[in-house]
Amino acid sequence: MGDGTLATLIMSAKLNDVDPQAWLADVLAHIADTPITRLEQLLPWN
């Protein structure tokens, strides 16, 4: 993942009133168990 992609995700989290660090920790904890068809649920606006 490039720096720009990560920066975009962090800014998206902030714009949606989500703590970026907590969101990223949650994503990393759940991504391995999430089916590819449900990955969009891990995005900061969901």
C-alpha atoms as a PDB file:
ATOM      1  CA  MET A   1       0.000   0.000   0.000  1.00  0.00           C
ATOM      2  CA  GLY A   2       1.419   3.347  -0.968  1.00  0.00           C
ATOM      3  CA  ASP A   3       1.741   6.386   1.251  1.00  0.00           C
ATOM      4  CA  GLY A   4      -0.977   8.184  -0.689  1.00  0.00           C
ATOM      5  CA  THR A   5      -3.436   5.344  -0.198  1.00  0.00           C
ATOM      6  CA  LEU A   6      -2.787   5.203   3.520  1.00  0.00           C
ATOM      7  CA  ALA A   7      -3.090   8.987   3.827  1.00  0.00           C
ATOM      8  CA  THR A   8      -6.410   8.867   1.957  1.00  0.00           C
ATOM      9  CA  LEU A   9      -7.791   6.190   4.281  1.00  0.00           C
ATOM     10  CA  ILE A  10      -6.680   8.144   7.355  1.00  0.00           C
ATOM     11  CA  MET A  11      -8.277  11.340   6.055  1.00  0.00           C
ATOM     12  CA  SER A  12     -11.468   9.436   5.188  1.00  0.00           C
ATOM     13  CA  ALA A  13     -11.616   8.156   8.757  1.00  0.00           C
ATOM     14  CA  LYS A  14     -11.160  11.677  10.151  1.00  0.00           C
ATOM     15  CA  LEU A  15     -13.830  13.092   7.826  1.00  0.00           C
ATOM     16  CA  ASN A  16     -16.241  10.445   9.094  1.00  0.00           C
ATOM     17  CA  ASP A  17     -15.475  11.236  12.761  1.00  0.00           C
ATOM     18  CA  VAL A  18     -13.636   7.938  13.232  1.00  0.00           C
ATOM     19  CA  ASP A  19     -10.385   7.701  15.190  1.00  0.00           C
ATOM     20  CA  PRO A  20      -7.891   6.606  12.479  1.00  0.00           C
ATOM     21  CA  GLN A  21      -5.661   4.658  14.873  1.00  0.00           C
ATOM     22  CA  ALA A  22      -8.581   2.747  16.412  1.00  0.00           C
ATOM     23  CA  TRP A  23     -10.075   2.115  12.963  1.00  0.00           C
ATOM     24  CA  LEU A  24      -6.781   0.785  11.557  1.00  0.00           C
ATOM     25  CA  ALA A  25      -6.242  -1.456  14.602  1.00  0.00           C
ATOM     26  CA  ASP A  26      -9.764  -2.844  14.146  1.00  0.00           C
ATOM     27  CA  VAL A  27      -9.220  -3.447  10.420  1.00  0.00           C
ATOM     28  CA  LEU A  28      -5.928  -5.247  11.030  1.00  0.00           C
ATOM     29  CA  ALA A  29      -7.568  -7.398  13.707  1.00  0.00           C
ATOM     30  CA  HIS A  30     -10.461  -8.427  11.432  1.00  0.00           C
ATOM     31  CA  ILE A  31      -9.190  -8.388   7.856  1.00  0.00           C
ATOM     32  CA  ALA A  32      -7.876 -11.960   7.855  1.00  0.00           C
ATOM     33  CA  ASP A  33     -11.274 -13.326   8.931  1.00  0.00           C
ATOM     34  CA  THR A  34     -13.340 -11.163   6.573  1.00  0.00           C
ATOM     35  CA  PRO A  35     -14.434 -12.693   3.255  1.00  0.00           C
ATOM     36  CA  ILE A  36     -13.370 -10.681   0.216  1.00  0.00           C
ATOM     37  CA  THR A  37     -17.013  -9.977  -0.577  1.00  0.00           C
ATOM     38  CA  ARG A  38     -17.383  -8.166   2.779  1.00  0.00           C
ATOM     39  CA  LEU A  39     -14.154  -6.121   2.822  1.00  0.00           C
ATOM     40  CA  GLU A  40     -16.090  -2.923   2.088  1.00  0.00           C
ATOM     41  CA  GLN A  41     -17.587  -3.232   5.588  1.00  0.00           C
ATOM     42  CA  LEU A  42     -14.137  -2.456   7.001  1.00  0.00           C
ATOM     43  CA  LEU A  43     -13.958   0.946   5.310  1.00  0.00           C
ATOM     44  CA  PRO A  44     -14.076   3.953   7.667  1.00  0.00           C
ATOM     45  CA  TRP A  45     -17.462   5.192   6.461  1.00  0.00           C
ATOM     46  CA  ASN A  46     -19.206   1.909   7.285  1.00  0.00           C
END
